[in-house]
Amino acid sequence: MAKRKPDYGVFDLATYLVASARDCMDEPLIYGPLRMLEGVNRMIMMGAGDPRFHDDFLSKMRARVTTDVLKVMSDREEFKKALDELLLEFAAESRRRTVGIRKLG
């Protein structure tokens, strides 16, 4: 039986999140949302290189996460508004996915 190659993508993401959690203890509060968005971006990128993690919705949302939201981070109110809009899009997608599951059950 061949030894399976370790999947460093998941490990790297976990390491980033643990390090970010610690860094958030000493950084300004605004860095927390930025680090979370970077974690989301890294998950999306994992899907680009590994079909086990691919998600069409997330692939489409990558530009929103990395560009649209981050470009307004210097304006706190616009950053908050962009995060609210992003959350609405994710919530709508979550609702779309779970409605089908609930009908099956």
Protein backbone atom coordinates (compact mmCIF):
# COMPACT_ATOMS: atom_id res chain seq x y z
CA MET A 1 0.00 0.00 0.00
CA ALA A 2 1.43 3.36 -1.06
CA LYS A 3 1.93 5.95 1.63
CA ARG A 4 -0.38 8.92 1.09
CA LYS A 5 1.29 12.27 0.56
CA PRO A 6 0.38 14.73 3.33
CA ASP A 7 -2.02 17.50 2.42
CA TYR A 8 -0.18 20.61 3.49
CA GLY A 9 -2.90 22.97 2.28
CA VAL A 10 -5.18 22.15 5.20
CA PHE A 11 -2.24 22.21 7.62
CA ASP A 12 -1.06 25.57 6.28
CA LEU A 13 -4.55 27.02 6.66
CA ALA A 14 -4.86 25.71 10.22
CA THR A 15 -1.43 27.13 11.07
CA TYR A 16 -2.38 30.50 9.61
CA LEU A 17 -5.60 30.59 11.64
CA VAL A 18 -3.88 29.63 14.90
CA ALA A 19 -1.14 32.23 14.35
CA SER A 20 -3.76 34.81 13.44
CA ALA A 21 -5.74 34.08 16.59
CA ARG A 22 -2.65 34.80 18.65
CA ASP A 23 -1.74 37.90 16.65
CA CYS A 24 -5.25 39.29 17.14
CA MET A 25 -4.56 39.48 20.86
CA ASP A 26 -1.99 42.25 20.28
CA GLU A 27 -3.16 43.91 17.06
CA PRO A 28 -5.77 46.61 16.46
CA LEU A 29 -9.31 45.18 16.31
CA ILE A 30 -9.71 45.96 12.59
CA TYR A 31 -7.06 43.32 11.78
CA GLY A 32 -9.38 40.53 12.99
CA PRO A 33 -11.83 40.82 10.07
CA LEU A 34 -8.93 41.15 7.65
CA ARG A 35 -7.33 37.97 8.95
CA MET A 36 -10.66 36.13 8.72
CA LEU A 37 -11.07 37.23 5.12
CA GLU A 38 -7.55 36.06 4.36
CA GLY A 39 -8.50 32.68 5.86
CA VAL A 40 -11.53 32.54 3.55
CA ASN A 41 -9.35 33.47 0.60
CA ARG A 42 -6.91 30.67 1.46
CA MET A 43 -9.77 28.16 1.63
CA ILE A 44 -11.02 29.29 -1.76
CA MET A 45 -7.52 28.96 -3.20
CA MET A 46 -7.33 25.41 -1.85
CA GLY A 47 -10.37 24.65 -4.01
CA ALA A 48 -8.58 26.03 -7.06
CA GLY A 49 -5.85 23.42 -6.68
CA ASP A 50 -7.76 20.48 -5.24
CA PRO A 51 -11.18 19.34 -6.46
CA ARG A 52 -12.04 18.05 -2.97
CA PHE A 53 -12.24 21.64 -1.80
CA HIS A 54 -13.68 23.27 -4.92
CA ASP A 55 -16.93 25.19 -4.61
CA ASP A 56 -18.39 27.17 -7.52
CA PHE A 57 -19.96 29.82 -5.28
CA LEU A 58 -16.72 30.38 -3.36
CA SER A 59 -14.74 30.62 -6.58
CA LYS A 60 -17.11 33.33 -7.79
CA MET A 61 -16.90 35.14 -4.46
CA ARG A 62 -13.10 35.27 -4.39
CA ALA A 63 -12.98 38.61 -6.20
CA ARG A 64 -15.49 40.07 -3.75
CA VAL A 65 -13.49 38.81 -0.78
CA THR A 66 -10.06 39.84 -2.02
CA THR A 67 -10.80 42.97 -4.02
CA ASP A 68 -14.12 44.62 -3.34
CA VAL A 69 -14.03 44.32 0.43
CA LEU A 70 -10.33 44.99 0.94
CA LYS A 71 -10.25 48.04 -1.33
CA VAL A 72 -12.48 49.94 1.09
CA MET A 73 -10.76 48.87 4.29
CA SER A 74 -9.24 52.33 4.78
CA ASP A 75 -12.78 53.67 5.20
CA ARG A 76 -14.21 51.88 8.21
CA GLU A 77 -17.87 52.56 7.35
CA GLU A 78 -17.43 51.41 3.74
CA PHE A 79 -15.53 48.35 4.98
CA LYS A 80 -18.40 47.51 7.33
CA LYS A 81 -20.92 48.02 4.51
CA ALA A 82 -18.90 45.76 2.18
CA LEU A 83 -18.73 43.06 4.88
CA ASP A 84 -22.49 43.33 5.42
CA GLU A 85 -23.10 42.91 1.69
CA LEU A 86 -20.73 39.95 1.54
CA LEU A 87 -22.49 38.34 4.49
CA LEU A 88 -25.87 38.77 2.77
CA GLU A 89 -24.55 37.00 -0.32
CA PHE A 90 -23.19 34.11 1.75
CA ALA A 91 -26.45 33.89 3.74
CA ALA A 92 -28.50 33.75 0.54
CA GLU A 93 -26.28 30.97 -0.80
CA SER A 94 -26.54 29.09 2.50
CA ARG A 95 -30.33 29.39 2.39
CA ARG A 96 -30.38 28.19 -1.23
CA ARG A 97 -28.33 25.13 -0.30
CA THR A 98 -30.17 24.19 2.86
CA VAL A 99 -33.70 24.54 1.44
CA GLY A 100 -33.03 21.62 -0.87
CA ILE A 101 -31.66 19.53 2.00
CA ARG A 102 -34.65 20.23 4.24
CA LYS A 103 -37.10 19.18 1.52
CA LEU A 104 -35.34 15.81 1.24
CA GLY A 105 -35.63 15.13 4.97
